[in-house]
Amino acid sequence: MTGIPQWPIAAVDEVARLRALAAGVRGAAVTERTVGAPLDEVWAVLSDFEGAFGLIEPDMRRVRVLARDGERVELLAHSRWGFRARLLGVHRPGWFWAQSRFLLIGMAAVAQPDGRTRVALTGGIRVPRRAALVPLGVRRAARGALDRLEGRLGATL
């Protein structure tokens, strides 16, 4: 049809979406790395909430999936210090964002043309009733999680 403007279509991948969402959370830090494994393998490990996830995120002693409804997920996480968090979130291929009253976890992964995978992590302790995270140790913890992910995958850069 003539006369109708053709608007540009903007598409962002999951890692860019994670960066954008985290930018709205004061104290959030996004840590990214490209790992030497395909997206399916990477996401299988990161999405194994009741298994490998606790090995990647050692602060999580145990995570249990309480409910799933399409992309919606409810998790019960137990920390190594005895704290519990009921996380509500969205989980789909390459994307996970969940939060509880005191905790936020975000993960994203995107396949790269060379067969590797770009992974981004964010999260931390939430300040109740505020869009803020306690920023202490977040980057160090995320780097450690990515190190453990690579070790679990047997991947090297």
C-alpha atoms as a PDB file:
ATOM      1  CA  MET A   1       0.000   0.000   0.000  1.00  0.00           C
ATOM      2  CA  THR A   2       1.257   3.430  -0.753  1.00  0.00           C
ATOM      3  CA  GLY A   3       1.099   6.299   1.646  1.00  0.00           C
ATOM      4  CA  ILE A   4       1.611   4.143   4.749  1.00  0.00           C
ATOM      5  CA  PRO A   5       4.974   4.826   6.374  1.00  0.00           C
ATOM      6  CA  GLN A   6       7.240   1.827   6.765  1.00  0.00           C
ATOM      7  CA  TRP A   7       8.541   1.939  10.309  1.00  0.00           C
ATOM      8  CA  PRO A   8      11.885   0.390  11.058  1.00  0.00           C
ATOM      9  CA  ILE A   9      11.809  -2.778  13.084  1.00  0.00           C
ATOM     10  CA  ALA A  10      14.299  -2.984  15.925  1.00  0.00           C
ATOM     11  CA  ALA A  11      15.305  -6.405  17.138  1.00  0.00           C
ATOM     12  CA  VAL A  12      17.501  -7.005  20.141  1.00  0.00           C
ATOM     13  CA  ASP A  13      18.982 -10.309  21.168  1.00  0.00           C
ATOM     14  CA  GLU A  14      18.596 -11.754  24.654  1.00  0.00           C
ATOM     15  CA  VAL A  15      21.945 -10.420  25.914  1.00  0.00           C
ATOM     16  CA  ALA A  16      21.080  -6.883  24.792  1.00  0.00           C
ATOM     17  CA  ARG A  17      17.650  -7.274  26.424  1.00  0.00           C
ATOM     18  CA  LEU A  18      19.337  -8.299  29.703  1.00  0.00           C
ATOM     19  CA  ARG A  19      21.628  -5.260  29.554  1.00  0.00           C
ATOM     20  CA  ALA A  20      18.625  -2.978  28.955  1.00  0.00           C
ATOM     21  CA  LEU A  21      16.585  -4.454  31.794  1.00  0.00           C
ATOM     22  CA  ALA A  22      19.529  -4.391  34.224  1.00  0.00           C
ATOM     23  CA  ALA A  23      20.189  -0.740  33.329  1.00  0.00           C
ATOM     24  CA  GLY A  24      16.932   0.094  35.089  1.00  0.00           C
ATOM     25  CA  VAL A  25      18.028  -1.549  38.342  1.00  0.00           C
ATOM     26  CA  ARG A  26      20.347   0.591  40.455  1.00  0.00           C
ATOM     27  CA  GLY A  27      23.392  -1.420  41.565  1.00  0.00           C
ATOM     28  CA  ALA A  28      22.941  -4.103  38.894  1.00  0.00           C
ATOM     29  CA  ALA A  29      26.042  -5.154  36.997  1.00  0.00           C
ATOM     30  CA  VAL A  30      25.985  -7.290  33.867  1.00  0.00           C
ATOM     31  CA  THR A  31      28.947  -9.617  33.367  1.00  0.00           C
ATOM     32  CA  GLU A  32      29.421 -11.120  29.907  1.00  0.00           C
ATOM     33  CA  ARG A  33      31.670 -13.745  28.392  1.00  0.00           C
ATOM     34  CA  THR A  34      31.818 -15.798  25.224  1.00  0.00           C
ATOM     35  CA  VAL A  35      32.191 -19.486  26.012  1.00  0.00           C
ATOM     36  CA  GLY A  36      33.420 -22.176  23.627  1.00  0.00           C
ATOM     37  CA  ALA A  37      30.267 -24.274  23.493  1.00  0.00           C
ATOM     38  CA  PRO A  38      27.060 -24.138  21.451  1.00  0.00           C
ATOM     39  CA  LEU A  39      23.966 -22.376  22.821  1.00  0.00           C
ATOM     40  CA  ASP A  40      22.013 -25.601  23.383  1.00  0.00           C
ATOM     41  CA  GLU A  41      24.722 -27.030  25.631  1.00  0.00           C
ATOM     42  CA  VAL A  42      25.221 -23.783  27.539  1.00  0.00           C
ATOM     43  CA  TRP A  43      21.517 -23.210  28.083  1.00  0.00           C
ATOM     44  CA  ALA A  44      20.942 -26.811  29.172  1.00  0.00           C
ATOM     45  CA  VAL A  45      23.428 -26.306  32.024  1.00  0.00           C
ATOM     46  CA  LEU A  46      22.154 -22.848  33.018  1.00  0.00           C
ATOM     47  CA  SER A  47      18.519 -24.027  32.903  1.00  0.00           C
ATOM     48  CA  ASP A  48      19.086 -27.134  35.006  1.00  0.00           C
ATOM     49  CA  PHE A  49      17.741 -25.383  38.098  1.00  0.00           C
ATOM     50  CA  GLU A  50      17.510 -28.511  40.240  1.00  0.00           C
ATOM     51  CA  GLY A  51      20.910 -29.857  39.157  1.00  0.00           C
ATOM     52  CA  ALA A  52      23.809 -27.981  37.566  1.00  0.00           C
ATOM     53  CA  PHE A  53      22.543 -24.495  38.458  1.00  0.00           C
ATOM     54  CA  GLY A  54      23.646 -24.953  42.069  1.00  0.00           C
ATOM     55  CA  LEU A  55      27.123 -25.913  40.847  1.00  0.00           C
ATOM     56  CA  ILE A  56      27.355 -22.740  38.748  1.00  0.00           C
ATOM     57  CA  GLU A  57      25.865 -20.483  41.449  1.00  0.00           C
ATOM     58  CA  PRO A  58      27.366 -21.893  44.661  1.00  0.00           C
ATOM     59  CA  ASP A  59      25.378 -19.501  46.854  1.00  0.00           C
ATOM     60  CA  MET A  60      22.372 -21.628  45.891  1.00  0.00           C
ATOM     61  CA  ARG A  61      22.591 -24.810  47.923  1.00  0.00           C
ATOM     62  CA  ARG A  62      19.373 -26.138  46.429  1.00  0.00           C
ATOM     63  CA  VAL A  63      16.790 -24.928  43.935  1.00  0.00           C
ATOM     64  CA  ARG A  64      13.434 -26.589  43.404  1.00  0.00           C
ATOM     65  CA  VAL A  65      10.985 -25.876  40.592  1.00  0.00           C
ATOM     66  CA  LEU A  66       7.626 -25.324  42.273  1.00  0.00           C
ATOM     67  CA  ALA A  67       5.547 -24.564  39.179  1.00  0.00           C
ATOM     68  CA  ARG A  68       5.747 -23.963  35.434  1.00  0.00           C
ATOM     69  CA  ASP A  69       3.105 -22.417  33.214  1.00  0.00           C
ATOM     70  CA  GLY A  70       4.459 -21.813  29.727  1.00  0.00           C
ATOM     71  CA  GLU A  71       7.331 -19.350  30.144  1.00  0.00           C
ATOM     72  CA  ARG A  72       6.391 -18.556  33.744  1.00  0.00           C
ATOM     73  CA  VAL A  73       8.321 -20.347  36.432  1.00  0.00           C
ATOM     74  CA  GLU A  74       8.288 -20.393  40.223  1.00  0.00           C
ATOM     75  CA  LEU A  75      11.397 -21.557  42.036  1.00  0.00           C
ATOM     76  CA  LEU A  76      12.257 -22.083  45.686  1.00  0.00           C
ATOM     77  CA  ALA A  77      15.942 -21.378  46.301  1.00  0.00           C
ATOM     78  CA  HIS A  78      17.847 -22.226  49.476  1.00  0.00           C
ATOM     79  CA  SER A  79      21.145 -20.434  50.056  1.00  0.00           C
ATOM     80  CA  ARG A  80      24.176 -21.947  51.700  1.00  0.00           C
ATOM     81  CA  TRP A  81      23.543 -19.553  54.622  1.00  0.00           C
ATOM     82  CA  GLY A  82      20.055 -20.899  55.276  1.00  0.00           C
ATOM     83  CA  PHE A  83      18.034 -18.184  53.549  1.00  0.00           C
ATOM     84  CA  ARG A  84      15.125 -19.070  51.266  1.00  0.00           C
ATOM     85  CA  ALA A  85      13.722 -17.190  48.314  1.00  0.00           C
ATOM     86  CA  ARG A  86      10.570 -17.815  46.306  1.00  0.00           C
ATOM     87  CA  LEU A  87      11.507 -16.583  42.842  1.00  0.00           C
ATOM     88  CA  LEU A  88       8.924 -15.749  40.199  1.00  0.00           C
ATOM     89  CA  GLY A  89      10.124 -15.267  36.666  1.00  0.00           C
ATOM     90  CA  VAL A  90      10.240 -15.919  32.968  1.00  0.00           C
ATOM     91  CA  HIS A  91      12.257 -18.794  31.525  1.00  0.00           C
ATOM     92  CA  ARG A  92      12.627 -19.443  27.802  1.00  0.00           C
ATOM     93  CA  PRO A  93      15.467 -20.471  25.492  1.00  0.00           C
ATOM     94  CA  GLY A  94      18.350 -18.058  26.081  1.00  0.00           C
ATOM     95  CA  TRP A  95      16.492 -15.985  28.693  1.00  0.00           C
ATOM     96  CA  PHE A  96      15.846 -16.152  32.425  1.00  0.00           C
ATOM     97  CA  TRP A  97      14.764 -13.304  34.687  1.00  0.00           C
ATOM     98  CA  ALA A  98      13.394 -14.014  38.148  1.00  0.00           C
ATOM     99  CA  GLN A  99      13.053 -12.139  41.375  1.00  0.00           C
ATOM    100  CA  SER A 100      11.836 -12.563  44.888  1.00  0.00           C
ATOM    101  CA  ARG A 101      11.382 -10.012  47.601  1.00  0.00           C
ATOM    102  CA  PHE A 102      15.144 -10.025  48.322  1.00  0.00           C
ATOM    103  CA  LEU A 103      16.809 -11.629  45.286  1.00  0.00           C
ATOM    104  CA  LEU A 104      17.146 -10.993  41.559  1.00  0.00           C
ATOM    105  CA  ILE A 105      18.665 -13.363  38.995  1.00  0.00           C
ATOM    106  CA  GLY A 106      19.032 -12.659  35.294  1.00  0.00           C
ATOM    107  CA  MET A 107      20.713 -14.825  32.654  1.00  0.00           C
ATOM    108  CA  ALA A 108      20.859 -14.560  28.887  1.00  0.00           C
ATOM    109  CA  ALA A 109      22.664 -16.445  26.146  1.00  0.00           C
ATOM    110  CA  VAL A 110      23.003 -15.910  22.406  1.00  0.00           C
ATOM    111  CA  ALA A 111      24.594 -18.151  19.772  1.00  0.00           C
ATOM    112  CA  GLN A 112      27.565 -16.626  17.973  1.00  0.00           C
ATOM    113  CA  PRO A 113      28.361 -17.193  14.272  1.00  0.00           C
ATOM    114  CA  ASP A 114      31.489 -19.185  15.171  1.00  0.00           C
ATOM    115  CA  GLY A 115      29.494 -21.759  17.185  1.00  0.00           C
ATOM    116  CA  ARG A 116      30.365 -20.282  20.573  1.00  0.00           C
ATOM    117  CA  THR A 117      27.839 -18.666  22.933  1.00  0.00           C
ATOM    118  CA  ARG A 118      27.705 -15.190  24.439  1.00  0.00           C
ATOM    119  CA  VAL A 119      26.493 -15.430  28.053  1.00  0.00           C
ATOM    120  CA  ALA A 120      25.430 -12.559  30.321  1.00  0.00           C
ATOM    121  CA  LEU A 121      24.600 -12.709  34.023  1.00  0.00           C
ATOM    122  CA  THR A 122      23.214 -10.204  36.488  1.00  0.00           C
ATOM    123  CA  GLY A 123      21.660 -10.413  39.887  1.00  0.00           C
ATOM    124  CA  GLY A 124      22.119  -9.870  43.549  1.00  0.00           C
ATOM    125  CA  ILE A 125      20.422  -9.028  46.786  1.00  0.00           C
ATOM    126  CA  ARG A 126      17.464  -6.695  46.304  1.00  0.00           C
ATOM    127  CA  VAL A 127      16.654  -3.709  48.441  1.00  0.00           C
ATOM    128  CA  PRO A 128      13.001  -4.282  49.412  1.00  0.00           C
ATOM    129  CA  ARG A 129      10.471  -1.892  47.847  1.00  0.00           C
ATOM    130  CA  ARG A 130      13.152  -0.278  45.658  1.00  0.00           C
ATOM    131  CA  ALA A 131      14.567  -0.945  42.199  1.00  0.00           C
ATOM    132  CA  ALA A 132      18.059  -1.443  43.601  1.00  0.00           C
ATOM    133  CA  LEU A 133      20.572  -4.180  44.317  1.00  0.00           C
ATOM    134  CA  VAL A 134      23.290  -4.302  46.915  1.00  0.00           C
ATOM    135  CA  PRO A 135      26.305  -4.033  44.577  1.00  0.00           C
ATOM    136  CA  LEU A 136      28.915  -5.682  46.815  1.00  0.00           C
ATOM    137  CA  GLY A 137      30.747  -8.565  45.155  1.00  0.00           C
ATOM    138  CA  VAL A 138      28.306  -8.915  42.249  1.00  0.00           C
ATOM    139  CA  ARG A 139      30.885  -8.789  39.445  1.00  0.00           C
ATOM    140  CA  ARG A 140      33.270 -11.140  41.248  1.00  0.00           C
ATOM    141  CA  ALA A 141      30.456 -13.627  41.873  1.00  0.00           C
ATOM    142  CA  ALA A 142      29.354 -13.476  38.229  1.00  0.00           C
ATOM    143  CA  ARG A 143      32.912 -14.005  36.966  1.00  0.00           C
ATOM    144  CA  GLY A 144      33.188 -17.025  39.258  1.00  0.00           C
ATOM    145  CA  ALA A 145      29.873 -18.377  37.976  1.00  0.00           C
ATOM    146  CA  LEU A 146      31.079 -18.018  34.386  1.00  0.00           C
ATOM    147  CA  ASP A 147      34.352 -19.766  35.298  1.00  0.00           C
ATOM    148  CA  ARG A 148      32.384 -22.664  36.798  1.00  0.00           C
ATOM    149  CA  LEU A 149      30.086 -22.761  33.748  1.00  0.00           C
ATOM    150  CA  GLU A 150      33.098 -23.081  31.467  1.00  0.00           C
ATOM    151  CA  GLY A 151      34.557 -25.771  33.689  1.00  0.00           C
ATOM    152  CA  ARG A 152      31.272 -27.656  33.633  1.00  0.00           C
ATOM    153  CA  LEU A 153      31.109 -27.414  29.842  1.00  0.00           C
ATOM    154  CA  GLY A 154      34.779 -28.287  29.444  1.00  0.00           C
ATOM    155  CA  ALA A 155      34.972 -25.208  27.215  1.00  0.00           C
ATOM    156  CA  THR A 156      37.898 -22.930  26.670  1.00  0.00           C
ATOM    157  CA  LEU A 157      37.960 -19.519  25.059  1.00  0.00           C
END
